[in-house]
C-alpha cells in the first residue's frame, strides 16, 4: 500500500509548538453544497416576500386570501385575523430557522474553500481548532489530564488516511490521526493530516524542550 499523501501542513511556531493544515480535501461536496445554497437563497427570498405581504395585510386589516390585498369577485374564503397572525408567526419562524441553516451552510462552504485546521501544543494545554475567516471552532485539552499520545492507524478500512479528510465538517471536527488518551476517553485530533504526518509530528514534538511529554506511541 502506498504511503498516505500529505495534506501539506505548515509548522508555524516552535514555542508553543503549532502546525496548520489547509483544508485541501473534501471539496467534492461543493457541487452539492453550492446548489443547496442557491435553493436556500430562493426559499428565503420567497419567505421574506410572503412575510412582508402578511404584515402589510394585517396592518391594513385585510383578512382575505394570502397574496390578495383586497376583496375581489374571486375571493372565496375569509381568514380569521387570529389565524392570519398565526400564519405570520409560523412564516417568521421558518424565515429565522432558514437564516440559521444558511449561516451554517455558508460556514461549511467557506471551510471547504479556505478553511484551516490548527493544533497548538503548549506547556499546559492542547488547542485544536478549525478556522475560517471571522470564525473559529475550538476544543481545548489539559496536558495535566493527558495520559498518552499515539498515532491513530486504523486497519479496518483500506486507505483510511485518504478517505477520512473528505468527511471532515467544520463543526463536526471528525476523527483525526493523533490519538489522545485523555482521562477515561480516547480522542482523535488532526482531521486533515495523515498517519504518516502524525508520526513525523509526534517525533518532532518529543524534542520540544518546554514540557515533559506523556508517553508517546508511534
N, C-alpha and C. Protein backbone atom coordinates (compact mmCIF):
# COMPACT_ATOMS: atom_id res chain seq x y z
N UNK A 1 0.85 -1.19 0.00
CA UNK A 1 0.00 0.00 0.00
C UNK A 1 0.88 1.24 0.00
N UNK A 2 0.64 2.20 -0.90
CA UNK A 2 1.47 3.40 -0.94
C UNK A 2 1.23 4.24 0.29
N UNK A 3 2.23 5.01 0.71
CA UNK A 3 2.06 5.85 1.90
C UNK A 3 1.00 6.91 1.67
N UNK A 4 0.27 7.30 2.72
CA UNK A 4 -0.74 8.34 2.58
C UNK A 4 -0.13 9.64 2.09
N UNK A 5 -0.92 10.37 1.35
CA UNK A 5 -0.46 11.64 0.78
C UNK A 5 -0.57 12.74 1.84
N UNK A 6 0.49 13.49 2.02
CA UNK A 6 0.47 14.58 2.99
C UNK A 6 -0.48 15.67 2.53
N UNK A 7 -1.17 16.26 3.48
CA UNK A 7 -2.09 17.36 3.16
C UNK A 7 -1.40 18.71 3.20
N UNK A 8 -0.09 18.72 3.44
CA UNK A 8 0.65 19.98 3.36
C UNK A 8 0.58 20.83 4.59
N UNK A 9 0.81 20.25 5.77
CA UNK A 9 0.80 21.05 6.99
C UNK A 9 2.02 21.97 7.01
N UNK A 10 1.88 23.04 7.77
CA UNK A 10 2.96 24.02 7.93
C UNK A 10 3.18 24.25 9.42
N UNK A 11 4.42 24.12 9.87
CA UNK A 11 4.74 24.41 11.28
C UNK A 11 4.92 25.91 11.42
N UNK A 12 4.01 26.53 12.15
CA UNK A 12 4.02 27.99 12.30
C UNK A 12 4.89 28.45 13.46
N UNK A 13 5.03 27.60 14.48
CA UNK A 13 5.75 28.04 15.67
C UNK A 13 6.35 26.84 16.39
N UNK A 14 7.52 27.05 16.98
CA UNK A 14 8.15 26.01 17.79
C UNK A 14 7.78 26.15 19.26
N UNK A 15 7.47 27.38 19.68
CA UNK A 15 7.03 27.61 21.05
C UNK A 15 5.94 28.67 21.08
N UNK A 16 4.71 28.24 21.38
CA UNK A 16 4.31 26.84 21.53
C UNK A 16 4.33 26.12 20.18
N UNK A 17 4.46 24.79 20.23
CA UNK A 17 4.52 24.01 19.00
C UNK A 17 3.16 24.08 18.32
N UNK A 18 3.13 24.66 17.13
CA UNK A 18 1.85 24.87 16.44
C UNK A 18 2.01 24.56 14.96
N UNK A 19 1.12 23.74 14.44
CA UNK A 19 1.13 23.47 13.00
C UNK A 19 -0.28 23.64 12.43
N UNK A 20 -0.31 24.05 11.17
CA UNK A 20 -1.57 24.39 10.49
C UNK A 20 -1.67 23.59 9.21
N UNK A 21 -2.87 23.08 8.94
CA UNK A 21 -3.12 22.32 7.72
C UNK A 21 -4.30 22.93 6.97
N UNK A 22 -4.09 23.39 5.72
CA UNK A 22 -5.23 23.90 4.96
C UNK A 22 -6.17 22.77 4.55
N UNK A 23 -7.43 23.09 4.43
CA UNK A 23 -8.43 22.09 4.06
C UNK A 23 -8.41 21.89 2.55
N UNK A 24 -7.48 21.07 2.08
CA UNK A 24 -7.31 20.84 0.65
C UNK A 24 -8.11 19.65 0.15
N UNK A 25 -8.81 18.98 1.06
CA UNK A 25 -9.61 17.82 0.65
C UNK A 25 -11.06 18.06 1.02
N UNK A 26 -11.91 17.19 0.55
CA UNK A 26 -13.32 17.31 0.86
C UNK A 26 -14.08 18.25 -0.04
N UNK A 27 -13.42 18.79 -1.07
CA UNK A 27 -14.12 19.74 -1.94
C UNK A 27 -15.08 19.07 -2.90
N UNK A 28 -15.10 17.74 -2.87
CA UNK A 28 -16.05 17.02 -3.71
C UNK A 28 -17.49 17.31 -3.29
N UNK A 29 -17.68 17.84 -2.08
CA UNK A 29 -19.02 18.17 -1.62
C UNK A 29 -19.52 19.51 -2.16
N UNK A 30 -18.62 20.33 -2.70
CA UNK A 30 -19.02 21.65 -3.18
C UNK A 30 -20.09 21.60 -4.27
N UNK A 31 -20.03 20.66 -5.24
CA UNK A 31 -21.11 20.59 -6.23
C UNK A 31 -22.47 20.31 -5.61
N UNK A 32 -22.49 19.78 -4.40
CA UNK A 32 -23.76 19.55 -3.70
C UNK A 32 -24.13 20.76 -2.87
N UNK A 33 -23.13 21.35 -2.20
CA UNK A 33 -23.40 22.46 -1.29
C UNK A 33 -23.79 23.75 -2.03
N UNK A 34 -23.16 24.02 -3.17
CA UNK A 34 -23.45 25.27 -3.87
C UNK A 34 -24.89 25.31 -4.41
N UNK A 35 -25.40 24.24 -5.08
CA UNK A 35 -26.81 24.26 -5.47
C UNK A 35 -27.75 24.35 -4.27
N UNK A 36 -27.35 23.71 -3.17
CA UNK A 36 -28.15 23.79 -1.95
C UNK A 36 -28.21 25.23 -1.45
N UNK A 37 -27.10 25.95 -1.58
CA UNK A 37 -27.07 27.35 -1.17
C UNK A 37 -28.01 28.19 -2.04
N UNK A 38 -28.04 27.92 -3.35
CA UNK A 38 -28.93 28.65 -4.25
C UNK A 38 -30.39 28.37 -3.92
N UNK A 39 -30.70 27.10 -3.65
CA UNK A 39 -32.08 26.74 -3.27
C UNK A 39 -32.46 27.42 -1.96
N UNK A 40 -31.51 27.46 -1.01
CA UNK A 40 -31.77 28.12 0.26
C UNK A 40 -32.06 29.60 0.04
N UNK A 41 -31.28 30.26 -0.83
CA UNK A 41 -31.48 31.68 -1.10
C UNK A 41 -32.85 31.96 -1.69
N UNK A 42 -33.27 31.13 -2.64
CA UNK A 42 -34.59 31.29 -3.26
C UNK A 42 -35.69 31.10 -2.22
N UNK A 43 -35.55 30.09 -1.39
CA UNK A 43 -36.55 29.81 -0.36
C UNK A 43 -36.64 30.96 0.64
N UNK A 44 -35.50 31.51 1.05
CA UNK A 44 -35.50 32.61 2.00
C UNK A 44 -36.12 33.88 1.39
N UNK A 45 -35.84 34.15 0.12
CA UNK A 45 -36.45 35.31 -0.52
C UNK A 45 -37.96 35.16 -0.62
N UNK A 46 -38.42 33.95 -0.94
CA UNK A 46 -39.86 33.70 -1.03
C UNK A 46 -40.52 33.90 0.33
N UNK A 47 -39.88 33.40 1.39
CA UNK A 47 -40.44 33.56 2.74
C UNK A 47 -40.45 35.03 3.15
N UNK A 48 -39.38 35.76 2.82
CA UNK A 48 -39.31 37.18 3.17
C UNK A 48 -40.41 37.96 2.46
N UNK A 49 -40.64 37.63 1.18
CA UNK A 49 -41.71 38.30 0.43
C UNK A 49 -43.07 37.97 1.04
N UNK A 50 -43.30 36.71 1.35
CA UNK A 50 -44.56 36.30 1.94
C UNK A 50 -44.77 36.98 3.29
N UNK A 51 -43.73 37.06 4.09
CA UNK A 51 -43.84 37.69 5.40
C UNK A 51 -44.19 39.16 5.27
N UNK A 52 -43.58 39.84 4.31
CA UNK A 52 -43.88 41.26 4.12
C UNK A 52 -45.34 41.46 3.70
N UNK A 53 -45.87 40.57 2.84
CA UNK A 53 -47.27 40.67 2.43
C UNK A 53 -48.20 40.39 3.60
N UNK A 54 -47.86 39.41 4.42
CA UNK A 54 -48.68 39.09 5.58
C UNK A 54 -48.75 40.28 6.54
N UNK A 55 -47.59 40.88 6.82
CA UNK A 55 -47.55 42.02 7.73
C UNK A 55 -48.38 43.17 7.17
N UNK A 56 -48.22 43.44 5.88
CA UNK A 56 -48.97 44.52 5.23
C UNK A 56 -50.47 44.28 5.33
N UNK A 57 -50.90 43.05 5.07
CA UNK A 57 -52.32 42.73 5.10
C UNK A 57 -52.89 42.86 6.51
N UNK A 58 -52.12 42.42 7.51
CA UNK A 58 -52.58 42.54 8.89
C UNK A 58 -52.72 44.00 9.29
N UNK A 59 -51.70 44.81 8.94
CA UNK A 59 -51.73 46.23 9.30
C UNK A 59 -52.87 46.96 8.62
N UNK A 60 -53.20 46.54 7.40
CA UNK A 60 -54.26 47.20 6.64
C UNK A 60 -55.64 46.61 6.91
N UNK A 61 -55.66 45.57 7.76
CA UNK A 61 -56.96 44.99 8.11
C UNK A 61 -57.52 44.04 7.08
N UNK A 62 -56.72 43.66 6.07
CA UNK A 62 -57.20 42.72 5.06
C UNK A 62 -57.04 41.30 5.59
N UNK A 63 -58.09 40.55 5.59
CA UNK A 63 -58.03 39.17 6.10
C UNK A 63 -58.63 38.22 5.08
N UNK A 64 -58.26 38.44 3.82
CA UNK A 64 -58.70 37.52 2.78
C UNK A 64 -57.53 36.65 2.38
N UNK A 65 -57.59 35.99 1.25
CA UNK A 65 -56.58 35.02 0.87
C UNK A 65 -55.17 35.60 0.87
N UNK A 66 -54.20 34.73 1.25
CA UNK A 66 -52.80 35.15 1.25
C UNK A 66 -52.41 35.62 -0.16
N UNK A 67 -51.81 36.79 -0.22
CA UNK A 67 -51.37 37.32 -1.50
C UNK A 67 -52.38 38.25 -2.13
N UNK A 68 -53.63 38.29 -1.61
CA UNK A 68 -54.65 39.19 -2.14
C UNK A 68 -54.84 40.32 -1.13
N UNK A 69 -54.62 41.53 -1.54
CA UNK A 69 -54.66 42.65 -0.60
C UNK A 69 -56.03 43.28 -0.49
N UNK A 70 -56.96 42.89 -1.31
CA UNK A 70 -58.32 43.43 -1.20
C UNK A 70 -59.31 42.40 -1.73
N UNK A 71 -60.53 42.51 -1.29
CA UNK A 71 -61.55 41.55 -1.69
C UNK A 71 -61.92 41.76 -3.15
N UNK A 72 -61.98 40.69 -3.89
CA UNK A 72 -62.36 40.74 -5.30
C UNK A 72 -63.49 39.75 -5.56
N UNK A 73 -63.94 39.69 -6.79
CA UNK A 73 -65.00 38.75 -7.14
C UNK A 73 -64.54 37.31 -7.06
N UNK A 74 -63.19 37.09 -7.04
CA UNK A 74 -62.65 35.74 -6.97
C UNK A 74 -62.35 35.29 -5.53
N UNK A 75 -62.58 36.19 -4.58
CA UNK A 75 -62.32 35.83 -3.19
C UNK A 75 -63.39 34.86 -2.72
N UNK A 76 -62.97 33.67 -2.31
CA UNK A 76 -63.95 32.67 -1.89
C UNK A 76 -63.78 32.27 -0.43
N UNK A 77 -62.85 32.87 0.30
CA UNK A 77 -62.65 32.49 1.68
C UNK A 77 -62.07 33.67 2.46
N UNK A 78 -62.67 33.92 3.61
CA UNK A 78 -62.14 34.91 4.51
C UNK A 78 -61.39 34.20 5.63
N UNK A 79 -60.26 34.75 6.05
CA UNK A 79 -59.45 34.12 7.08
C UNK A 79 -59.59 34.92 8.37
N UNK A 80 -59.83 34.21 9.45
CA UNK A 80 -59.94 34.84 10.76
C UNK A 80 -58.63 35.57 11.09
N UNK A 81 -58.70 36.81 11.60
CA UNK A 81 -57.47 37.56 11.90
C UNK A 81 -56.52 36.83 12.84
N UNK A 82 -57.07 36.09 13.81
CA UNK A 82 -56.21 35.33 14.72
C UNK A 82 -55.41 34.28 13.95
N UNK A 83 -56.08 33.57 13.06
CA UNK A 83 -55.39 32.57 12.24
C UNK A 83 -54.36 33.24 11.34
N UNK A 84 -54.71 34.43 10.85
CA UNK A 84 -53.80 35.17 9.97
C UNK A 84 -52.49 35.49 10.71
N UNK A 85 -52.62 35.94 11.97
CA UNK A 85 -51.44 36.25 12.78
C UNK A 85 -50.65 34.97 13.07
N UNK A 86 -51.36 33.85 13.27
CA UNK A 86 -50.69 32.57 13.49
C UNK A 86 -49.85 32.19 12.27
N UNK A 87 -50.42 32.37 11.09
CA UNK A 87 -49.66 32.09 9.86
C UNK A 87 -48.45 33.00 9.75
N UNK A 88 -48.61 34.24 10.16
CA UNK A 88 -47.50 35.20 10.14
C UNK A 88 -46.37 34.72 11.06
N UNK A 89 -46.74 34.24 12.27
CA UNK A 89 -45.74 33.75 13.21
C UNK A 89 -44.99 32.55 12.70
N UNK A 90 -45.72 31.61 12.07
CA UNK A 90 -45.08 30.42 11.51
C UNK A 90 -44.11 30.81 10.40
N UNK A 91 -44.54 31.74 9.55
CA UNK A 91 -43.67 32.18 8.45
C UNK A 91 -42.41 32.86 8.97
N UNK A 92 -42.57 33.70 9.99
CA UNK A 92 -41.40 34.37 10.57
C UNK A 92 -40.45 33.35 11.20
N UNK A 93 -41.00 32.31 11.85
CA UNK A 93 -40.16 31.27 12.46
C UNK A 93 -39.39 30.51 11.40
N UNK A 94 -40.06 30.16 10.30
CA UNK A 94 -39.39 29.45 9.21
C UNK A 94 -38.29 30.31 8.61
N UNK A 95 -38.54 31.61 8.49
CA UNK A 95 -37.53 32.52 7.96
C UNK A 95 -36.31 32.56 8.87
N UNK A 96 -36.53 32.62 10.19
CA UNK A 96 -35.42 32.65 11.15
C UNK A 96 -34.62 31.35 11.11
N UNK A 97 -35.33 30.20 11.12
CA UNK A 97 -34.63 28.91 11.07
C UNK A 97 -33.84 28.78 9.77
N UNK A 98 -34.40 29.31 8.69
CA UNK A 98 -33.70 29.28 7.41
C UNK A 98 -32.42 30.10 7.45
N UNK A 99 -32.45 31.24 8.14
CA UNK A 99 -31.24 32.06 8.27
C UNK A 99 -30.17 31.34 9.08
N UNK A 100 -30.58 30.64 10.14
CA UNK A 100 -29.62 29.87 10.94
C UNK A 100 -29.00 28.76 10.10
N UNK A 101 -29.85 28.03 9.36
CA UNK A 101 -29.34 26.97 8.49
C UNK A 101 -28.39 27.55 7.44
N UNK A 102 -28.74 28.70 6.88
CA UNK A 102 -27.89 29.32 5.87
C UNK A 102 -26.54 29.73 6.42
N UNK A 103 -26.51 30.18 7.68
CA UNK A 103 -25.24 30.56 8.31
C UNK A 103 -24.32 29.35 8.42
N UNK A 104 -24.86 28.22 8.87
CA UNK A 104 -24.04 27.02 8.98
C UNK A 104 -23.63 26.50 7.60
N UNK A 105 -24.52 26.63 6.62
CA UNK A 105 -24.18 26.21 5.26
C UNK A 105 -23.06 27.06 4.69
N UNK A 106 -23.12 28.37 4.91
CA UNK A 106 -22.06 29.26 4.43
C UNK A 106 -20.73 28.92 5.11
N UNK A 107 -20.77 28.63 6.42
CA UNK A 107 -19.55 28.26 7.11
C UNK A 107 -18.94 27.00 6.50
N UNK A 108 -19.77 26.03 6.17
CA UNK A 108 -19.27 24.77 5.60
C UNK A 108 -18.62 25.00 4.24
N UNK A 109 -19.23 25.84 3.42
CA UNK A 109 -18.67 26.13 2.10
C UNK A 109 -17.34 26.87 2.23
N UNK A 110 -17.30 27.87 3.12
CA UNK A 110 -16.06 28.62 3.32
C UNK A 110 -14.97 27.72 3.88
N UNK A 111 -15.35 26.80 4.80
CA UNK A 111 -14.40 25.86 5.38
C UNK A 111 -13.76 25.01 4.30
N UNK A 112 -14.54 24.58 3.33
CA UNK A 112 -14.00 23.72 2.27
C UNK A 112 -13.20 24.50 1.24
N UNK A 113 -13.38 25.80 1.19
CA UNK A 113 -12.63 26.61 0.23
C UNK A 113 -11.34 27.18 0.83
N UNK A 114 -11.43 27.75 2.03
CA UNK A 114 -10.26 28.44 2.59
C UNK A 114 -10.03 28.09 4.06
N UNK A 115 -10.69 27.05 4.57
CA UNK A 115 -10.55 26.70 5.98
C UNK A 115 -9.17 26.13 6.32
N UNK A 116 -8.82 26.25 7.60
CA UNK A 116 -7.54 25.71 8.10
C UNK A 116 -7.77 25.00 9.44
N UNK A 117 -7.03 23.93 9.62
CA UNK A 117 -7.02 23.24 10.91
C UNK A 117 -5.72 23.57 11.61
N UNK A 118 -5.82 23.90 12.90
CA UNK A 118 -4.63 24.27 13.67
C UNK A 118 -4.57 23.44 14.95
N UNK A 119 -3.41 22.91 15.24
CA UNK A 119 -3.16 22.23 16.51
C UNK A 119 -1.98 22.91 17.18
N UNK A 120 -2.24 23.39 18.40
CA UNK A 120 -1.21 24.09 19.17
C UNK A 120 -0.99 23.32 20.47
N UNK A 121 0.27 22.95 20.73
CA UNK A 121 0.60 22.19 21.92
C UNK A 121 1.48 23.06 22.80
N UNK A 122 0.87 23.59 23.85
CA UNK A 122 1.58 24.47 24.76
C UNK A 122 2.06 23.74 26.00
N UNK A 123 2.54 24.49 26.95
CA UNK A 123 3.08 23.91 28.17
C UNK A 123 2.00 23.20 28.99
N UNK A 124 0.79 23.76 29.00
CA UNK A 124 -0.25 23.21 29.87
C UNK A 124 -1.54 22.83 29.15
N UNK A 125 -1.60 23.01 27.83
CA UNK A 125 -2.83 22.66 27.13
C UNK A 125 -2.58 22.38 25.65
N UNK A 126 -3.49 21.63 25.08
CA UNK A 126 -3.51 21.36 23.64
C UNK A 126 -4.77 22.00 23.08
N UNK A 127 -4.61 22.83 22.07
CA UNK A 127 -5.74 23.53 21.47
C UNK A 127 -5.90 23.05 20.03
N UNK A 128 -7.07 22.52 19.73
CA UNK A 128 -7.38 22.01 18.39
C UNK A 128 -8.49 22.88 17.82
N UNK A 129 -8.27 23.48 16.65
CA UNK A 129 -9.27 24.39 16.11
C UNK A 129 -9.42 24.26 14.61
N UNK A 130 -10.63 24.51 14.16
CA UNK A 130 -10.94 24.67 12.75
C UNK A 130 -11.23 26.16 12.54
N UNK A 131 -10.58 26.75 11.53
CA UNK A 131 -10.68 28.20 11.35
C UNK A 131 -11.16 28.56 9.96
N UNK A 132 -12.05 29.53 9.94
CA UNK A 132 -12.42 30.19 8.70
C UNK A 132 -12.41 31.69 8.99
N UNK A 133 -12.41 32.55 7.97
CA UNK A 133 -12.43 33.98 8.24
C UNK A 133 -13.59 34.37 9.16
N UNK A 134 -13.28 35.12 10.20
CA UNK A 134 -14.24 35.67 11.17
C UNK A 134 -14.84 34.63 12.10
N UNK A 135 -14.36 33.40 12.06
CA UNK A 135 -14.92 32.38 12.94
C UNK A 135 -13.89 31.29 13.23
N UNK A 136 -14.02 30.68 14.41
CA UNK A 136 -13.13 29.59 14.79
C UNK A 136 -13.87 28.65 15.72
N UNK A 137 -13.76 27.35 15.48
CA UNK A 137 -14.38 26.34 16.34
C UNK A 137 -13.24 25.60 17.04
N UNK A 138 -13.21 25.64 18.37
CA UNK A 138 -12.03 25.21 19.12
C UNK A 138 -12.38 24.22 20.22
N UNK A 139 -11.48 23.26 20.42
CA UNK A 139 -11.54 22.35 21.56
C UNK A 139 -10.20 22.40 22.28
N UNK A 140 -10.25 22.41 23.61
CA UNK A 140 -9.04 22.54 24.42
C UNK A 140 -8.91 21.36 25.37
N UNK A 141 -7.68 20.83 25.49
CA UNK A 141 -7.42 19.69 26.37
C UNK A 141 -6.25 20.04 27.29
N UNK A 142 -6.42 19.72 28.57
CA UNK A 142 -5.37 20.00 29.55
C UNK A 142 -4.26 18.95 29.46
N UNK A 143 -3.01 19.40 29.40
CA UNK A 143 -1.88 18.48 29.36
C UNK A 143 -1.81 17.67 30.65
N UNK A 144 -2.24 18.25 31.74
CA UNK A 144 -2.21 17.57 33.04
C UNK A 144 -3.04 16.29 33.03
N UNK A 145 -4.12 16.28 32.25
CA UNK A 145 -5.01 15.12 32.21
C UNK A 145 -4.67 14.16 31.08
N UNK A 146 -3.61 14.47 30.33
CA UNK A 146 -3.21 13.66 29.18
C UNK A 146 -2.35 12.49 29.63
N UNK A 147 -2.72 11.28 29.28
CA UNK A 147 -2.00 10.08 29.71
C UNK A 147 -1.09 9.51 28.63
N UNK A 148 -1.47 9.71 27.37
CA UNK A 148 -0.65 9.14 26.29
C UNK A 148 -0.97 9.84 24.98
N UNK A 149 0.06 9.93 24.13
CA UNK A 149 -0.09 10.40 22.74
C UNK A 149 0.31 9.27 21.82
N UNK A 150 -0.49 9.04 20.76
CA UNK A 150 -0.14 7.97 19.84
C UNK A 150 -0.66 8.29 18.45
N UNK A 151 -0.11 7.61 17.47
CA UNK A 151 -0.58 7.74 16.10
C UNK A 151 -1.76 6.80 15.90
N UNK A 152 -2.85 7.34 15.38
CA UNK A 152 -4.03 6.52 15.12
C UNK A 152 -3.89 5.87 13.75
N UNK A 153 -3.78 4.55 13.75
CA UNK A 153 -3.63 3.81 12.49
C UNK A 153 -4.79 2.83 12.34
N UNK A 154 -5.86 3.26 11.76
CA UNK A 154 -7.00 2.35 11.59
C UNK A 154 -6.67 1.29 10.55
N UNK A 155 -7.01 0.06 10.83
CA UNK A 155 -6.74 -1.00 9.87
C UNK A 155 -8.03 -1.67 9.38
N UNK A 156 -9.17 -1.07 9.75
CA UNK A 156 -10.44 -1.68 9.35
C UNK A 156 -10.96 -1.14 8.02
N UNK A 157 -10.38 -0.07 7.52
CA UNK A 157 -10.77 0.48 6.23
C UNK A 157 -9.51 0.76 5.43
N UNK A 158 -9.45 0.26 4.22
CA UNK A 158 -8.28 0.47 3.36
C UNK A 158 -8.15 1.95 3.00
N UNK A 159 -6.93 2.46 3.07
CA UNK A 159 -6.62 3.84 2.69
C UNK A 159 -7.42 4.85 3.52
N UNK A 160 -7.62 4.56 4.79
CA UNK A 160 -8.39 5.48 5.63
C UNK A 160 -7.80 6.88 5.64
N UNK A 161 -6.49 6.99 5.58
CA UNK A 161 -5.87 8.31 5.60
C UNK A 161 -6.26 9.14 4.38
N UNK A 162 -6.60 8.48 3.29
CA UNK A 162 -7.01 9.21 2.10
C UNK A 162 -8.50 9.49 2.11
N UNK A 163 -9.26 8.69 2.82
CA UNK A 163 -10.71 8.83 2.84
C UNK A 163 -11.17 9.81 3.91
N UNK A 164 -10.56 9.71 5.11
CA UNK A 164 -11.05 10.44 6.26
C UNK A 164 -11.21 11.94 6.02
N UNK A 165 -10.24 12.64 5.43
CA UNK A 165 -10.38 14.09 5.31
C UNK A 165 -11.59 14.54 4.51
N UNK A 166 -12.10 13.72 3.59
CA UNK A 166 -13.24 14.15 2.79
C UNK A 166 -14.52 14.23 3.60
N UNK A 167 -14.54 13.63 4.79
CA UNK A 167 -15.75 13.64 5.60
C UNK A 167 -15.67 14.60 6.78
N UNK A 168 -14.67 15.44 6.81
CA UNK A 168 -14.49 16.36 7.93
C UNK A 168 -15.38 17.58 7.73
N UNK A 169 -16.22 17.84 8.71
CA UNK A 169 -17.07 19.03 8.68
C UNK A 169 -16.52 20.09 9.61
N UNK A 170 -16.89 21.33 9.35
CA UNK A 170 -16.32 22.45 10.10
C UNK A 170 -16.56 22.30 11.60
N UNK A 171 -17.78 22.02 12.01
CA UNK A 171 -18.09 21.90 13.44
C UNK A 171 -18.07 20.46 13.92
N UNK A 172 -18.14 19.51 12.99
CA UNK A 172 -18.11 18.13 13.41
C UNK A 172 -16.73 17.66 13.82
N UNK A 173 -15.70 18.39 13.37
CA UNK A 173 -14.29 18.11 13.65
C UNK A 173 -13.85 16.78 13.04
N UNK A 174 -14.48 15.69 13.38
CA UNK A 174 -14.12 14.40 12.79
C UNK A 174 -12.97 13.72 13.49
N UNK A 175 -12.80 12.44 13.23
CA UNK A 175 -11.70 11.68 13.82
C UNK A 175 -10.38 12.11 13.19
N UNK A 176 -9.31 12.08 13.99
CA UNK A 176 -8.02 12.55 13.49
C UNK A 176 -6.93 11.51 13.61
N UNK A 177 -5.75 11.86 13.12
CA UNK A 177 -4.63 10.91 13.05
C UNK A 177 -3.79 10.88 14.32
N UNK A 178 -4.01 11.84 15.22
CA UNK A 178 -3.31 11.85 16.50
C UNK A 178 -4.29 11.45 17.59
N UNK A 179 -3.97 10.43 18.33
CA UNK A 179 -4.88 9.92 19.34
C UNK A 179 -4.42 10.34 20.73
N UNK A 180 -5.33 10.88 21.51
CA UNK A 180 -5.05 11.28 22.88
C UNK A 180 -5.76 10.32 23.83
N UNK A 181 -5.02 9.76 24.76
CA UNK A 181 -5.64 9.05 25.87
C UNK A 181 -5.82 10.09 26.96
N UNK A 182 -7.05 10.57 27.09
CA UNK A 182 -7.34 11.76 27.90
C UNK A 182 -8.33 11.38 28.99
N UNK A 183 -7.85 11.38 30.23
CA UNK A 183 -8.65 10.91 31.36
C UNK A 183 -9.15 9.50 31.06
N UNK A 184 -10.47 9.32 30.98
CA UNK A 184 -11.03 8.00 30.66
C UNK A 184 -11.45 7.89 29.21
N UNK A 185 -11.10 8.88 28.39
CA UNK A 185 -11.54 8.91 27.00
C UNK A 185 -10.36 8.69 26.05
N UNK A 186 -10.71 8.27 24.85
CA UNK A 186 -9.75 8.21 23.75
C UNK A 186 -10.26 9.15 22.67
N UNK A 187 -9.46 10.16 22.35
CA UNK A 187 -9.89 11.22 21.44
C UNK A 187 -8.92 11.32 20.28
N UNK A 188 -9.44 11.44 19.07
CA UNK A 188 -8.59 11.66 17.90
C UNK A 188 -8.66 13.12 17.47
N UNK A 189 -7.51 13.73 17.26
CA UNK A 189 -7.44 15.09 16.74
C UNK A 189 -6.56 15.09 15.49
N UNK A 190 -6.63 16.16 14.74
CA UNK A 190 -5.85 16.24 13.50
C UNK A 190 -6.58 15.60 12.34
N UNK A 191 -7.73 16.16 11.98
CA UNK A 191 -8.58 15.55 10.95
C UNK A 191 -7.96 15.60 9.56
N UNK A 192 -7.13 16.60 9.31
CA UNK A 192 -6.64 16.82 7.95
C UNK A 192 -5.23 16.34 7.71
N UNK A 193 -4.65 15.64 8.68
CA UNK A 193 -3.31 15.08 8.46
C UNK A 193 -3.40 13.56 8.39
N UNK A 194 -2.42 12.96 7.75
CA UNK A 194 -2.37 11.51 7.62
C UNK A 194 -1.63 10.90 8.80
N UNK A 195 -1.70 9.60 8.93
CA UNK A 195 -0.97 8.91 9.99
C UNK A 195 0.54 9.09 9.83
N UNK A 196 1.00 9.14 8.59
CA UNK A 196 2.43 9.37 8.33
C UNK A 196 2.85 10.75 8.83
N UNK A 197 2.03 11.76 8.54
CA UNK A 197 2.31 13.10 9.05
C UNK A 197 2.29 13.13 10.56
N UNK A 198 1.32 12.43 11.15
CA UNK A 198 1.21 12.40 12.61
C UNK A 198 2.46 11.80 13.24
N UNK A 199 3.01 10.77 12.62
CA UNK A 199 4.22 10.13 13.13
C UNK A 199 5.39 11.11 13.12
N UNK A 200 5.55 11.85 12.04
CA UNK A 200 6.63 12.83 11.94
C UNK A 200 6.46 13.93 12.99
N UNK A 201 5.23 14.40 13.15
CA UNK A 201 4.96 15.50 14.08
C UNK A 201 5.17 15.07 15.53
N UNK A 202 4.76 13.86 15.88
CA UNK A 202 4.95 13.40 17.25
C UNK A 202 6.43 13.19 17.57
N UNK A 203 7.19 12.71 16.60
CA UNK A 203 8.63 12.58 16.82
C UNK A 203 9.26 13.94 17.05
N UNK A 204 8.81 14.93 16.32
CA UNK A 204 9.33 16.28 16.50
C UNK A 204 8.90 16.86 17.84
N UNK A 205 7.66 16.53 18.23
CA UNK A 205 7.15 17.03 19.50
C UNK A 205 7.95 16.48 20.68
N UNK A 206 8.46 15.27 20.55
CA UNK A 206 9.25 14.68 21.64
C UNK A 206 10.52 15.48 21.93
N UNK A 207 10.96 16.27 20.95
CA UNK A 207 12.19 17.05 21.13
C UNK A 207 11.93 18.46 21.66
N UNK A 208 10.65 18.78 21.84
CA UNK A 208 10.33 20.11 22.37
C UNK A 208 10.80 20.20 23.81
N UNK A 209 11.44 21.31 24.16
CA UNK A 209 12.10 21.42 25.46
C UNK A 209 11.22 22.01 26.57
N UNK A 210 10.11 22.65 26.21
CA UNK A 210 9.38 23.39 27.24
C UNK A 210 8.41 22.52 28.03
N UNK A 211 8.31 21.23 27.73
CA UNK A 211 7.43 20.38 28.52
C UNK A 211 7.98 18.96 28.57
N UNK A 212 7.49 18.21 29.52
CA UNK A 212 7.83 16.79 29.64
C UNK A 212 6.64 16.02 29.08
N UNK A 213 6.75 15.51 27.84
CA UNK A 213 5.58 14.90 27.20
C UNK A 213 5.17 13.61 27.89
N UNK A 214 3.89 13.29 27.83
CA UNK A 214 3.43 11.99 28.31
C UNK A 214 3.97 10.90 27.39
N UNK A 215 3.79 9.63 27.74
CA UNK A 215 4.28 8.56 26.84
C UNK A 215 3.74 8.74 25.41
N UNK A 216 4.65 8.59 24.46
CA UNK A 216 4.29 8.74 23.05
C UNK A 216 4.46 7.41 22.36
N UNK A 217 3.40 6.96 21.69
CA UNK A 217 3.44 5.68 20.97
C UNK A 217 3.35 5.94 19.49
N UNK A 218 4.41 5.56 18.76
CA UNK A 218 4.46 5.86 17.32
C UNK A 218 4.47 4.54 16.53
